[in-house]
């Protein structure tokens, strides 16, 4: 087939909008063009994809290849579309079956050797794939984060060859489903670490039990930050929906998501000199 469509997901803040990777292979001078508002990292994927396909013992078509990332008005960034572009080229050139691709959503960055590298923002992708009743193909290093979402079938892979063999029915990859989160998160911090301060601890316990606000006043060194950092250890665990909303923020950040403690209420500690602009962020994408 000369045209192939692969489903993937972009990133807009903590959202994961659907991106349809359309690949057309036509006669003409050999070229690979990517359209659909790609940023620099996406444009550079043509070199990564070419190297991954050739080093995976597939044939890179010596034809005119056009890759369209739809919708065209949505900015595309990062290397998260590498796997989808590579599968689209292989399907459009007839090297793998393209009909089964419609059952999956694909995300992952490719190395020149064909290995799959992890990307951030996987949790929102898994949620949307579950809602659209599609299976998710992703790097194995992202499996633990995606498995936090219930009701989704995950296909973890370490190499482009594994994905192609799975789609062709030659060697299936064992699917993974949701993981069992610990009943109580483990952490080095504990509210029992606080000795003395009986009136303050009593106020914290009342606030935690009744979901009240707290305002602490005092000079530096009296234990305000230590108490505040240990307050989440006596708060009730988040519900699944609450945890997904808060974990999505950590998922798209550079710090990553702590899978073991994802049900614990987050603790934020901005510096006391931070301005309002520093707290809410800025730039072109205010939601990030």
C-alpha atoms as a PDB file:
ATOM      1  CA  UNK A   1       0.000   0.000   0.000  1.00  0.00           C
ATOM      2  CA  UNK A   2       1.210   3.536  -0.781  1.00  0.00           C
ATOM      3  CA  UNK A   3      -0.631   5.201   2.102  1.00  0.00           C
ATOM      4  CA  UNK A   4      -0.566   4.260   5.776  1.00  0.00           C
ATOM      5  CA  UNK A   5      -2.102   5.813   8.897  1.00  0.00           C
ATOM      6  CA  UNK A   6      -0.712   5.355  12.411  1.00  0.00           C
ATOM      7  CA  UNK A   7      -2.252   6.775  15.586  1.00  0.00           C
ATOM      8  CA  UNK A   8      -0.037   8.607  18.059  1.00  0.00           C
ATOM      9  CA  UNK A   9      -0.401  11.288  20.729  1.00  0.00           C
ATOM     10  CA  UNK A  10       1.012  14.784  21.044  1.00  0.00           C
ATOM     11  CA  UNK A  11       1.499  16.847  24.171  1.00  0.00           C
ATOM     12  CA  UNK A  12      -0.245  20.071  25.085  1.00  0.00           C
ATOM     13  CA  UNK A  13       0.276  20.790  28.759  1.00  0.00           C
ATOM     14  CA  UNK A  14      -1.089  17.740  30.576  1.00  0.00           C
ATOM     15  CA  UNK A  15      -3.315  16.790  27.649  1.00  0.00           C
ATOM     16  CA  UNK A  16      -2.473  14.204  24.989  1.00  0.00           C
ATOM     17  CA  UNK A  17      -4.337  15.136  21.784  1.00  0.00           C
ATOM     18  CA  UNK A  18      -4.640  12.549  19.030  1.00  0.00           C
ATOM     19  CA  UNK A  19      -2.143  12.877  16.178  1.00  0.00           C
ATOM     20  CA  UNK A  20      -2.694  10.897  12.982  1.00  0.00           C
ATOM     21  CA  UNK A  21       0.608  10.099  11.294  1.00  0.00           C
ATOM     22  CA  UNK A  22      -0.189   9.776   7.587  1.00  0.00           C
ATOM     23  CA  UNK A  23       2.613   8.423   5.405  1.00  0.00           C
ATOM     24  CA  UNK A  24       2.497   8.511   1.610  1.00  0.00           C
ATOM     25  CA  UNK A  25       5.126   6.758  -0.534  1.00  0.00           C
ATOM     26  CA  UNK A  26       5.041   7.879  -4.161  1.00  0.00           C
ATOM     27  CA  UNK A  27       7.279   7.764  -7.210  1.00  0.00           C
ATOM     28  CA  UNK A  28       9.752  10.600  -7.583  1.00  0.00           C
ATOM     29  CA  UNK A  29      13.161  11.710  -6.446  1.00  0.00           C
ATOM     30  CA  UNK A  30      14.116  10.146  -3.079  1.00  0.00           C
ATOM     31  CA  UNK A  31      13.085  12.540  -0.300  1.00  0.00           C
ATOM     32  CA  UNK A  32      11.457  12.526   3.123  1.00  0.00           C
ATOM     33  CA  UNK A  33       9.323  15.528   4.034  1.00  0.00           C
ATOM     34  CA  UNK A  34       7.487  15.997   7.340  1.00  0.00           C
ATOM     35  CA  UNK A  35       4.576  18.457   7.394  1.00  0.00           C
ATOM     36  CA  UNK A  36       2.015  19.358  10.034  1.00  0.00           C
ATOM     37  CA  UNK A  37       3.701  22.079  12.138  1.00  0.00           C
ATOM     38  CA  UNK A  38       6.690  19.995  13.324  1.00  0.00           C
ATOM     39  CA  UNK A  39       9.309  21.579  15.567  1.00  0.00           C
ATOM     40  CA  UNK A  40      13.051  21.046  15.217  1.00  0.00           C
ATOM     41  CA  UNK A  41      13.163  17.760  17.159  1.00  0.00           C
ATOM     42  CA  UNK A  42      10.373  16.331  14.994  1.00  0.00           C
ATOM     43  CA  UNK A  43      12.086  17.418  11.772  1.00  0.00           C
ATOM     44  CA  UNK A  44      15.259  15.689  12.921  1.00  0.00           C
ATOM     45  CA  UNK A  45      13.325  12.438  13.318  1.00  0.00           C
ATOM     46  CA  UNK A  46      13.796  11.752   9.587  1.00  0.00           C
ATOM     47  CA  UNK A  47      17.449  10.926  10.223  1.00  0.00           C
ATOM     48  CA  UNK A  48      16.695   8.812  13.294  1.00  0.00           C
ATOM     49  CA  UNK A  49      13.933   6.926  11.477  1.00  0.00           C
ATOM     50  CA  UNK A  50      16.102   6.289   8.414  1.00  0.00           C
ATOM     51  CA  UNK A  51      18.921   4.894  10.528  1.00  0.00           C
ATOM     52  CA  UNK A  52      16.577   2.777  12.662  1.00  0.00           C
ATOM     53  CA  UNK A  53      14.880   1.230   9.627  1.00  0.00           C
ATOM     54  CA  UNK A  54      18.131   0.434   7.828  1.00  0.00           C
ATOM     55  CA  UNK A  55      19.865  -0.939  10.933  1.00  0.00           C
ATOM     56  CA  UNK A  56      16.810  -3.114  11.652  1.00  0.00           C
ATOM     57  CA  UNK A  57      17.389  -4.907   8.333  1.00  0.00           C
ATOM     58  CA  UNK A  58      14.439  -3.280   6.589  1.00  0.00           C
ATOM     59  CA  UNK A  59      14.589  -1.412   3.293  1.00  0.00           C
ATOM     60  CA  UNK A  60      14.218   2.340   3.395  1.00  0.00           C
ATOM     61  CA  UNK A  61      12.174   3.241   0.279  1.00  0.00           C
ATOM     62  CA  UNK A  62      14.161   5.162  -2.336  1.00  0.00           C
ATOM     63  CA  UNK A  63      11.030   7.126  -3.237  1.00  0.00           C
ATOM     64  CA  UNK A  64       9.316  10.381  -2.351  1.00  0.00           C
ATOM     65  CA  UNK A  65       7.974  10.008   1.202  1.00  0.00           C
ATOM     66  CA  UNK A  66       5.580  12.544   2.706  1.00  0.00           C
ATOM     67  CA  UNK A  67       4.686  12.366   6.396  1.00  0.00           C
ATOM     68  CA  UNK A  68       1.696  14.423   7.522  1.00  0.00           C
ATOM     69  CA  UNK A  69       1.093  14.952  11.246  1.00  0.00           C
ATOM     70  CA  UNK A  70      -2.590  15.798  11.547  1.00  0.00           C
ATOM     71  CA  UNK A  71      -4.154  18.023  12.771  1.00  0.00           C
ATOM     72  CA  UNK A  72      -1.877  20.479  11.011  1.00  0.00           C
ATOM     73  CA  UNK A  73      -2.563  23.382  13.403  1.00  0.00           C
ATOM     74  CA  UNK A  74      -1.335  21.491  16.502  1.00  0.00           C
ATOM     75  CA  UNK A  75       2.369  22.063  17.290  1.00  0.00           C
ATOM     76  CA  UNK A  76       4.365  18.810  17.407  1.00  0.00           C
ATOM     77  CA  UNK A  77       7.473  18.530  19.570  1.00  0.00           C
ATOM     78  CA  UNK A  78       9.938  15.932  20.796  1.00  0.00           C
ATOM     79  CA  UNK A  79      10.895  12.518  19.515  1.00  0.00           C
ATOM     80  CA  UNK A  80       7.650  10.832  20.588  1.00  0.00           C
ATOM     81  CA  UNK A  81       6.522  10.369  16.951  1.00  0.00           C
ATOM     82  CA  UNK A  82       9.603   8.415  15.794  1.00  0.00           C
ATOM     83  CA  UNK A  83       8.038   4.986  16.232  1.00  0.00           C
ATOM     84  CA  UNK A  84       4.793   5.975  14.518  1.00  0.00           C
ATOM     85  CA  UNK A  85       6.651   7.500  11.555  1.00  0.00           C
ATOM     86  CA  UNK A  86       8.845   4.411  11.157  1.00  0.00           C
ATOM     87  CA  UNK A  87       5.857   2.043  11.280  1.00  0.00           C
ATOM     88  CA  UNK A  88       4.001   4.237   8.786  1.00  0.00           C
ATOM     89  CA  UNK A  89       6.889   4.117   6.319  1.00  0.00           C
ATOM     90  CA  UNK A  90       7.207   0.333   6.653  1.00  0.00           C
ATOM     91  CA  UNK A  91       3.449  -0.141   6.234  1.00  0.00           C
ATOM     92  CA  UNK A  92       3.188   2.234   3.265  1.00  0.00           C
ATOM     93  CA  UNK A  93       6.042   0.406   1.534  1.00  0.00           C
ATOM     94  CA  UNK A  94       4.403  -2.986   2.148  1.00  0.00           C
ATOM     95  CA  UNK A  95       7.016  -4.370   4.529  1.00  0.00           C
ATOM     96  CA  UNK A  96       4.577  -4.833   7.434  1.00  0.00           C
ATOM     97  CA  UNK A  97       0.758  -5.192   7.415  1.00  0.00           C
ATOM     98  CA  UNK A  98      -0.895  -1.800   7.766  1.00  0.00           C
ATOM     99  CA  UNK A  99      -4.442  -2.907   8.615  1.00  0.00           C
ATOM    100  CA  UNK A 100      -3.583  -3.900  12.203  1.00  0.00           C
ATOM    101  CA  UNK A 101      -2.058  -0.500  12.927  1.00  0.00           C
ATOM    102  CA  UNK A 102      -5.527   0.977  13.411  1.00  0.00           C
ATOM    103  CA  UNK A 103      -5.920  -1.115  16.591  1.00  0.00           C
ATOM    104  CA  UNK A 104      -2.918   0.528  18.267  1.00  0.00           C
ATOM    105  CA  UNK A 105      -1.531   3.852  19.361  1.00  0.00           C
ATOM    106  CA  UNK A 106       2.237   4.191  19.170  1.00  0.00           C
ATOM    107  CA  UNK A 107       4.645   6.417  21.033  1.00  0.00           C
ATOM    108  CA  UNK A 108       8.388   6.298  21.500  1.00  0.00           C
ATOM    109  CA  UNK A 109      11.725   7.721  20.384  1.00  0.00           C
ATOM    110  CA  UNK A 110      14.036   5.661  18.184  1.00  0.00           C
ATOM    111  CA  UNK A 111      17.782   5.354  18.321  1.00  0.00           C
ATOM    112  CA  UNK A 112      19.824   4.908  15.151  1.00  0.00           C
ATOM    113  CA  UNK A 113      20.067   1.219  15.967  1.00  0.00           C
ATOM    114  CA  UNK A 114      16.297   0.792  16.296  1.00  0.00           C
ATOM    115  CA  UNK A 115      16.074   0.695  20.099  1.00  0.00           C
ATOM    116  CA  UNK A 116      13.092   2.383  21.723  1.00  0.00           C
ATOM    117  CA  UNK A 117      13.885   5.156  24.171  1.00  0.00           C
ATOM    118  CA  UNK A 118      11.443   6.379  26.836  1.00  0.00           C
ATOM    119  CA  UNK A 119       9.528   9.638  26.524  1.00  0.00           C
ATOM    120  CA  UNK A 120       7.743  11.764  29.105  1.00  0.00           C
ATOM    121  CA  UNK A 121       4.029  12.393  29.351  1.00  0.00           C
ATOM    122  CA  UNK A 122       3.051   8.725  28.990  1.00  0.00           C
ATOM    123  CA  UNK A 123       0.296   8.739  31.616  1.00  0.00           C
ATOM    124  CA  UNK A 124      -2.032  11.117  29.685  1.00  0.00           C
ATOM    125  CA  UNK A 125      -1.355   9.067  26.550  1.00  0.00           C
ATOM    126  CA  UNK A 126      -2.389   5.849  28.292  1.00  0.00           C
ATOM    127  CA  UNK A 127      -5.573   7.457  29.620  1.00  0.00           C
ATOM    128  CA  UNK A 128      -6.636   8.645  26.169  1.00  0.00           C
ATOM    129  CA  UNK A 129      -5.739   5.323  24.540  1.00  0.00           C
ATOM    130  CA  UNK A 130      -7.893   3.539  27.139  1.00  0.00           C
ATOM    131  CA  UNK A 131     -10.775   5.920  26.498  1.00  0.00           C
ATOM    132  CA  UNK A 132     -10.568   5.236  22.758  1.00  0.00           C
ATOM    133  CA  UNK A 133     -10.312   1.457  23.304  1.00  0.00           C
ATOM    134  CA  UNK A 134      -6.963   1.075  21.568  1.00  0.00           C
ATOM    135  CA  UNK A 135      -3.868  -0.850  22.595  1.00  0.00           C
ATOM    136  CA  UNK A 136      -0.723   1.129  23.363  1.00  0.00           C
ATOM    137  CA  UNK A 137       2.728   0.329  21.967  1.00  0.00           C
ATOM    138  CA  UNK A 138       5.450   2.107  23.921  1.00  0.00           C
ATOM    139  CA  UNK A 139       9.048   1.720  25.170  1.00  0.00           C
ATOM    140  CA  UNK A 140       9.482  -0.852  27.906  1.00  0.00           C
ATOM    141  CA  UNK A 141      10.961   1.755  30.247  1.00  0.00           C
ATOM    142  CA  UNK A 142       7.597   3.567  30.244  1.00  0.00           C
ATOM    143  CA  UNK A 143       5.581   0.452  31.118  1.00  0.00           C
ATOM    144  CA  UNK A 144       5.335   1.040  34.871  1.00  0.00           C
ATOM    145  CA  UNK A 145       3.864   4.509  34.388  1.00  0.00           C
ATOM    146  CA  UNK A 146       1.362   3.468  31.703  1.00  0.00           C
ATOM    147  CA  UNK A 147       0.293   0.436  33.768  1.00  0.00           C
ATOM    148  CA  UNK A 148      -1.163   2.761  36.403  1.00  0.00           C
ATOM    149  CA  UNK A 149      -4.166   3.220  34.104  1.00  0.00           C
ATOM    150  CA  UNK A 150      -6.773   0.498  34.451  1.00  0.00           C
ATOM    151  CA  UNK A 151      -8.485  -1.118  31.489  1.00  0.00           C
ATOM    152  CA  UNK A 152      -5.729  -0.714  28.879  1.00  0.00           C
ATOM    153  CA  UNK A 153      -3.618  -3.312  27.090  1.00  0.00           C
ATOM    154  CA  UNK A 154       0.035  -2.285  26.923  1.00  0.00           C
ATOM    155  CA  UNK A 155       2.538  -3.639  24.406  1.00  0.00           C
ATOM    156  CA  UNK A 156       6.033  -2.843  25.780  1.00  0.00           C
ATOM    157  CA  UNK A 157       8.937  -3.170  23.334  1.00  0.00           C
ATOM    158  CA  UNK A 158      12.667  -2.528  23.362  1.00  0.00           C
ATOM    159  CA  UNK A 159      13.334  -2.562  19.603  1.00  0.00           C
ATOM    160  CA  UNK A 160      11.641  -1.688  16.340  1.00  0.00           C
ATOM    161  CA  UNK A 161      12.092  -5.294  15.195  1.00  0.00           C
ATOM    162  CA  UNK A 162       9.968  -6.533  18.106  1.00  0.00           C
ATOM    163  CA  UNK A 163       7.126  -4.199  17.179  1.00  0.00           C
ATOM    164  CA  UNK A 164       7.215  -5.227  13.518  1.00  0.00           C
ATOM    165  CA  UNK A 165       7.285  -8.923  14.414  1.00  0.00           C
ATOM    166  CA  UNK A 166       4.304  -8.420  16.711  1.00  0.00           C
ATOM    167  CA  UNK A 167       2.295  -6.600  14.035  1.00  0.00           C
ATOM    168  CA  UNK A 168       3.177  -9.229  11.434  1.00  0.00           C
ATOM    169  CA  UNK A 169       2.115 -12.060  13.750  1.00  0.00           C
ATOM    170  CA  UNK A 170       5.579 -13.636  13.725  1.00  0.00           C
ATOM    171  CA  UNK A 171       6.397 -13.223  17.426  1.00  0.00           C
ATOM    172  CA  UNK A 172       3.905 -11.683  19.812  1.00  0.00           C
ATOM    173  CA  UNK A 173       4.948  -9.399  22.634  1.00  0.00           C
ATOM    174  CA  UNK A 174       3.406 -10.343  25.969  1.00  0.00           C
ATOM    175  CA  UNK A 175       0.817  -7.702  26.796  1.00  0.00           C
ATOM    176  CA  UNK A 176       0.781  -6.094  30.218  1.00  0.00           C
ATOM    177  CA  UNK A 177      -2.170  -4.656  32.083  1.00  0.00           C
ATOM    178  CA  UNK A 178      -2.625  -2.412  35.089  1.00  0.00           C
ATOM    179  CA  UNK A 179      -0.234  -2.866  37.982  1.00  0.00           C
ATOM    180  CA  UNK A 180      -1.208  -3.272  41.603  1.00  0.00           C
ATOM    181  CA  UNK A 181      -0.261  -0.084  43.436  1.00  0.00           C
ATOM    182  CA  UNK A 182       0.952  -0.467  47.016  1.00  0.00           C
ATOM    183  CA  UNK A 183      -1.692  -0.115  49.693  1.00  0.00           C
ATOM    184  CA  UNK A 184       0.363   2.573  51.373  1.00  0.00           C
ATOM    185  CA  UNK A 185       3.185   4.494  49.674  1.00  0.00           C
ATOM    186  CA  UNK A 186       6.639   4.111  51.104  1.00  0.00           C
ATOM    187  CA  UNK A 187       8.825   7.091  51.814  1.00  0.00           C
ATOM    188  CA  UNK A 188      11.636   8.156  54.073  1.00  0.00           C
ATOM    189  CA  UNK A 189       9.448  10.882  55.567  1.00  0.00           C
ATOM    190  CA  UNK A 190       7.054  10.092  58.380  1.00  0.00           C
ATOM    191  CA  UNK A 191       4.922  12.268  60.648  1.00  0.00           C
ATOM    192  CA  UNK A 192       6.256  10.233  63.571  1.00  0.00           C
ATOM    193  CA  UNK A 193       9.635  11.870  63.008  1.00  0.00           C
ATOM    194  CA  UNK A 194       8.323  15.029  64.694  1.00  0.00           C
ATOM    195  CA  UNK A 195       9.151  15.040  68.405  1.00  0.00           C
ATOM    196  CA  UNK A 196       7.565  17.567  70.722  1.00  0.00           C
ATOM    197  CA  UNK A 197       5.440  20.314  69.157  1.00  0.00           C
ATOM    198  CA  UNK A 198       2.330  18.685  70.614  1.00  0.00           C
ATOM    199  CA  UNK A 199      -0.027  21.595  69.961  1.00  0.00           C
ATOM    200  CA  UNK A 200       1.181  21.932  66.371  1.00  0.00           C
ATOM    201  CA  UNK A 201       0.862  18.216  65.714  1.00  0.00           C
ATOM    202  CA  UNK A 202      -2.668  18.272  67.139  1.00  0.00           C
ATOM    203  CA  UNK A 203      -3.554  21.123  64.767  1.00  0.00           C
ATOM    204  CA  UNK A 204      -2.109  19.154  61.835  1.00  0.00           C
ATOM    205  CA  UNK A 205      -4.117  16.061  62.735  1.00  0.00           C
ATOM    206  CA  UNK A 206      -7.353  18.063  62.926  1.00  0.00           C
ATOM    207  CA  UNK A 207      -6.614  19.753  59.602  1.00  0.00           C
ATOM    208  CA  UNK A 208      -5.814  16.427  57.929  1.00  0.00           C
ATOM    209  CA  UNK A 209      -8.950  14.766  59.279  1.00  0.00           C
ATOM    210  CA  UNK A 210     -11.287  17.609  58.315  1.00  0.00           C
ATOM    211  CA  UNK A 211      -9.542  18.788  55.123  1.00  0.00           C
ATOM    212  CA  UNK A 212      -8.932  22.245  56.621  1.00  0.00           C
ATOM    213  CA  UNK A 213      -6.362  24.853  55.647  1.00  0.00           C
ATOM    214  CA  UNK A 214      -3.280  25.588  57.701  1.00  0.00           C
ATOM    215  CA  UNK A 215      -1.276  28.781  58.164  1.00  0.00           C
ATOM    216  CA  UNK A 216       2.028  28.553  60.030  1.00  0.00           C
ATOM    217  CA  UNK A 217       3.903  31.583  61.315  1.00  0.00           C
ATOM    218  CA  UNK A 218       7.283  31.589  62.970  1.00  0.00           C
ATOM    219  CA  UNK A 219      10.965  32.413  62.583  1.00  0.00           C
ATOM    220  CA  UNK A 220      13.278  30.227  60.475  1.00  0.00           C
ATOM    221  CA  UNK A 221      14.377  26.970  62.057  1.00  0.00           C
ATOM    222  CA  UNK A 222      11.252  26.265  64.112  1.00  0.00           C
ATOM    223  CA  UNK A 223      10.209  23.260  61.989  1.00  0.00           C
ATOM    224  CA  UNK A 224       7.544  24.677  59.681  1.00  0.00           C
ATOM    225  CA  UNK A 225       8.941  23.094  56.521  1.00  0.00           C
ATOM    226  CA  UNK A 226       9.656  19.794  58.264  1.00  0.00           C
ATOM    227  CA  UNK A 227       6.065  19.578  59.494  1.00  0.00           C
ATOM    228  CA  UNK A 228       4.620  20.572  56.134  1.00  0.00           C
ATOM    229  CA  UNK A 229       6.680  17.986  54.246  1.00  0.00           C
ATOM    230  CA  UNK A 230       5.356  15.240  56.523  1.00  0.00           C
ATOM    231  CA  UNK A 231       1.707  16.278  56.354  1.00  0.00           C
ATOM    232  CA  UNK A 232       1.000  14.148  53.223  1.00  0.00           C
ATOM    233  CA  UNK A 233       1.968  11.024  55.180  1.00  0.00           C
ATOM    234  CA  UNK A 234      -1.157  11.360  57.379  1.00  0.00           C
ATOM    235  CA  UNK A 235      -3.531  12.501  54.636  1.00  0.00           C
ATOM    236  CA  UNK A 236      -5.884   9.957  53.032  1.00  0.00           C
ATOM    237  CA  UNK A 237      -4.748   8.491  49.735  1.00  0.00           C
ATOM    238  CA  UNK A 238      -6.008  10.066  46.538  1.00  0.00           C
ATOM    239  CA  UNK A 239      -8.733   8.451  44.504  1.00  0.00           C
ATOM    240  CA  UNK A 240      -7.774   7.073  41.095  1.00  0.00           C
ATOM    241  CA  UNK A 241      -9.153  10.119  39.290  1.00  0.00           C
ATOM    242  CA  UNK A 242      -7.418  12.549  41.646  1.00  0.00           C
ATOM    243  CA  UNK A 243      -4.158  10.628  41.364  1.00  0.00           C
ATOM    244  CA  UNK A 244      -4.287  10.645  37.563  1.00  0.00           C
ATOM    245  CA  UNK A 245      -4.816  14.406  37.493  1.00  0.00           C
ATOM    246  CA  UNK A 246      -1.899  15.136  39.808  1.00  0.00           C
ATOM    247  CA  UNK A 247       0.364  12.445  38.334  1.00  0.00           C
ATOM    248  CA  UNK A 248      -0.184  13.825  34.823  1.00  0.00           C
ATOM    249  CA  UNK A 249       1.640  17.004  35.877  1.00  0.00           C
ATOM    250  CA  UNK A 250       4.637  14.999  37.098  1.00  0.00           C
ATOM    251  CA  UNK A 251       4.480  12.798  33.999  1.00  0.00           C
ATOM    252  CA  UNK A 252       4.975  15.672  31.552  1.00  0.00           C
ATOM    253  CA  UNK A 253       7.680  17.332  33.667  1.00  0.00           C
ATOM    254  CA  UNK A 254      11.386  16.660  33.445  1.00  0.00           C
ATOM    255  CA  UNK A 255      11.431  15.186  36.970  1.00  0.00           C
ATOM    256  CA  UNK A 256       9.252  12.227  36.037  1.00  0.00           C
ATOM    257  CA  UNK A 257       6.599  10.367  38.006  1.00  0.00           C
ATOM    258  CA  UNK A 258       7.270   8.481  41.233  1.00  0.00           C
ATOM    259  CA  UNK A 259       5.182   5.380  40.500  1.00  0.00           C
ATOM    260  CA  UNK A 260       5.507   3.964  44.024  1.00  0.00           C
ATOM    261  CA  UNK A 261       4.011   7.094  45.620  1.00  0.00           C
ATOM    262  CA  UNK A 262       1.575   8.178  42.932  1.00  0.00           C
ATOM    263  CA  UNK A 263      -1.456   7.818  45.246  1.00  0.00           C
ATOM    264  CA  UNK A 264       0.033  10.131  47.875  1.00  0.00           C
ATOM    265  CA  UNK A 265      -1.070  13.795  47.836  1.00  0.00           C
ATOM    266  CA  UNK A 266       1.751  15.851  46.316  1.00  0.00           C
ATOM    267  CA  UNK A 267       3.876  18.197  48.377  1.00  0.00           C
ATOM    268  CA  UNK A 268       4.810  21.508  46.730  1.00  0.00           C
ATOM    269  CA  UNK A 269       7.511  23.694  48.239  1.00  0.00           C
ATOM    270  CA  UNK A 270       8.070  26.844  46.140  1.00  0.00           C
ATOM    271  CA  UNK A 271      10.789  29.168  47.353  1.00  0.00           C
ATOM    272  CA  UNK A 272       9.583  32.079  49.454  1.00  0.00           C
ATOM    273  CA  UNK A 273      11.126  34.535  46.965  1.00  0.00           C
ATOM    274  CA  UNK A 274       9.189  33.107  43.989  1.00  0.00           C
ATOM    275  CA  UNK A 275       7.078  35.680  42.174  1.00  0.00           C
ATOM    276  CA  UNK A 276       3.540  35.158  40.918  1.00  0.00           C
ATOM    277  CA  UNK A 277       4.854  34.723  37.382  1.00  0.00           C
ATOM    278  CA  UNK A 278       7.308  32.058  38.556  1.00  0.00           C
ATOM    279  CA  UNK A 279       4.524  30.141  40.330  1.00  0.00           C
ATOM    280  CA  UNK A 280       2.066  30.005  37.431  1.00  0.00           C
ATOM    281  CA  UNK A 281       4.634  29.837  34.623  1.00  0.00           C
ATOM    282  CA  UNK A 282       4.687  31.774  31.395  1.00  0.00           C
ATOM    283  CA  UNK A 283       5.779  31.733  27.779  1.00  0.00           C
ATOM    284  CA  UNK A 284       3.801  30.521  24.805  1.00  0.00           C
ATOM    285  CA  UNK A 285       2.193  27.505  26.519  1.00  0.00           C
ATOM    286  CA  UNK A 286       0.762  28.678  29.821  1.00  0.00           C
ATOM    287  CA  UNK A 287      -0.502  25.190  30.730  1.00  0.00           C
ATOM    288  CA  UNK A 288       2.946  23.654  30.794  1.00  0.00           C
END
